C-alpha atoms as a PDB file:
ATOM      1  CA  MET A   1     -25.164  50.348   3.271  1.00  0.00           C
ATOM      2  CA  PRO A   2     -25.939  49.621   6.666  1.00  0.00           C
ATOM      3  CA  PRO A   3     -23.517  48.395   8.968  1.00  0.00           C
ATOM      4  CA  ARG A   4     -25.984  45.170   9.537  1.00  0.00           C
ATOM      5  CA  VAL A   5     -25.689  44.429   5.776  1.00  0.00           C
ATOM      6  CA  LYS A   6     -21.534  44.542   5.545  1.00  0.00           C
ATOM      7  CA  ALA A   7     -20.818  42.543   8.515  1.00  0.00           C
ATOM      8  CA  GLU A   8     -23.245  39.666   7.237  1.00  0.00           C
ATOM      9  CA  ARG A   9     -21.782  40.100   3.893  1.00  0.00           C
ATOM     10  CA  MET A  10     -18.005  39.663   5.323  1.00  0.00           C
ATOM     11  CA  LYS A  11     -19.381  37.256   7.605  1.00  0.00           C
ATOM     12  CA  ALA A  12     -20.376  35.263   4.666  1.00  0.00           C
ATOM     13  CA  ARG A  13     -17.056  35.161   2.547  1.00  0.00           C
ATOM     14  CA  GLY A  14     -15.250  34.178   5.835  1.00  0.00           C
ATOM     15  CA  GLN A  15     -17.531  31.310   5.789  1.00  0.00           C
ATOM     16  CA  GLU A  16     -17.140  30.889   2.325  1.00  0.00           C
ATOM     17  CA  LYS A  17     -12.820  31.247   2.620  1.00  0.00           C
ATOM     18  CA  LEU A  18     -13.463  28.919   5.526  1.00  0.00           C
ATOM     19  CA  THR A  19     -15.629  25.853   3.488  1.00  0.00           C
ATOM     20  CA  ASN A  20     -13.180  26.396   0.309  1.00  0.00           C
ATOM     21  CA  LYS A  21     -10.098  26.107   2.689  1.00  0.00           C
ATOM     22  CA  LEU A  22     -11.405  23.049   4.119  1.00  0.00           C
ATOM     23  CA  ALA A  23     -12.431  21.325   0.898  1.00  0.00           C
ATOM     24  CA  ALA A  24      -8.931  21.804  -0.434  1.00  0.00           C
ATOM     25  CA  THR A  25      -7.008  20.671   2.848  1.00  0.00           C
ATOM     26  CA  ARG A  26      -9.233  17.725   2.872  1.00  0.00           C
ATOM     27  CA  ARG A  27      -8.500  17.151  -1.225  1.00  0.00           C
ATOM     28  CA  ILE A  28      -4.626  17.393  -0.109  1.00  0.00           C
ATOM     29  CA  ALA A  29      -5.401  14.356   2.678  1.00  0.00           C
ATOM     30  CA  GLU A  30      -7.165  11.978   0.347  1.00  0.00           C
ATOM     31  CA  GLU A  31      -3.963  12.239  -2.183  1.00  0.00           C
ATOM     32  CA  LYS A  32      -1.704  12.091   0.138  1.00  0.00           C
ATOM     33  CA  ARG A  33      -3.316   8.866   1.954  1.00  0.00           C
ATOM     34  CA  ALA A  34      -3.921   7.184  -1.375  1.00  0.00           C
ATOM     35  CA  ASN A  35      -0.175   7.923  -2.343  1.00  0.00           C
ATOM     36  CA  ALA A  36       0.763   5.956   0.848  1.00  0.00           C
ATOM     37  CA  GLU A  37      -1.329   2.955   0.906  1.00  0.00           C
ATOM     38  CA  ALA A  38      -0.311   2.602  -2.822  1.00  0.00           C
ATOM     39  CA  LYS A  39       2.965   2.168  -1.739  1.00  0.00           C
ATOM     40  CA  LEU A  40       2.164   0.018   1.247  1.00  0.00           C
ATOM     41  CA  ASN A  41       0.940  -2.337  -1.564  1.00  0.00           C
ATOM     42  CA  GLU A  42       3.121  -1.978  -3.717  1.00  0.00           C
ATOM     43  CA  LYS A  43       5.924  -2.534  -0.796  1.00  0.00           C
ATOM     44  CA  ALA A  44       3.293  -5.646   0.309  1.00  0.00           C
ATOM     45  CA  LEU A  45       3.893  -7.240  -3.290  1.00  0.00           C
ATOM     46  CA  ARG A  46       7.464  -6.647  -3.430  1.00  0.00           C
ATOM     47  CA  THR A  47       7.713  -8.489   0.226  1.00  0.00           C
ATOM     48  CA  SER A  48       5.117 -11.753  -1.413  1.00  0.00           C
ATOM     49  CA  GLU A  49       7.272 -11.897  -4.671  1.00  0.00           C
ATOM     50  CA  LYS A  50      10.568 -12.011  -2.400  1.00  0.00           C
ATOM     51  CA  ALA A  51       8.932 -14.875  -0.446  1.00  0.00           C
ATOM     52  CA  ASP A  52       7.639 -17.217  -3.272  1.00  0.00           C
ATOM     53  CA  TYR A  53      11.030 -16.846  -4.913  1.00  0.00           C
ATOM     54  CA  ILE A  54      12.675 -17.668  -1.669  1.00  0.00           C
ATOM     55  CA  ARG A  55      10.014 -21.080  -1.272  1.00  0.00           C
ATOM     56  CA  ARG A  56      10.843 -21.718  -4.706  1.00  0.00           C
ATOM     57  CA  ILE A  57      14.466 -21.867  -4.278  1.00  0.00           C
ATOM     58  CA  GLY A  58      14.369 -23.298  -1.054  1.00  0.00           C
ATOM     59  CA  HIS A  59      16.876 -20.921   0.579  1.00  0.00           C
ATOM     60  CA  LEU A  60      17.683 -17.710   1.107  1.00  0.00           C
ATOM     61  CA  PRO A  61      19.814 -16.284  -2.147  1.00  0.00           C
ATOM     62  CA  SER A  62      23.513 -14.772  -1.312  1.00  0.00           C
ATOM     63  CA  THR A  63      22.665 -11.295  -2.483  1.00  0.00           C
ATOM     64  CA  PHE A  64      19.394 -11.235   0.071  1.00  0.00           C
ATOM     65  CA  SER A  65      20.548  -9.021   2.794  1.00  0.00           C
ATOM     66  CA  PHE A  66      18.435  -8.852   6.212  1.00  0.00           C
ATOM     67  CA  LYS A  67      19.542  -8.329   9.981  1.00  0.00           C
ATOM     68  CA  LEU A  68      18.356 -11.123  12.232  1.00  0.00           C
ATOM     69  CA  PRO A  69      17.748 -10.054  15.656  1.00  0.00           C
ATOM     70  CA  SER A  70      20.948 -10.883  18.106  1.00  0.00           C
ATOM     71  CA  LEU A  71      19.944 -13.735  20.168  1.00  0.00           C
ATOM     72  CA  CYS A  72      23.335 -13.589  21.856  1.00  0.00           C
ATOM     73  CA  TRP A  73      23.459 -11.230  24.953  1.00  0.00           C
END
């Protein structure tokens, strides 16, 4: 087998490996992006439900805890 043919074959294999690796990386990134978006949507829904509850009862429930920014210096 001439060295040129061998080099072309090695180059083709290398390019194929790189293409497969890039595809796998893109797929993993897309999955992570989708998971992050789902978590964000879930958190937004919970926040919206809490806000609706507070509006409905007219005041903050005693079990509701969050830290207000300090207005005193």
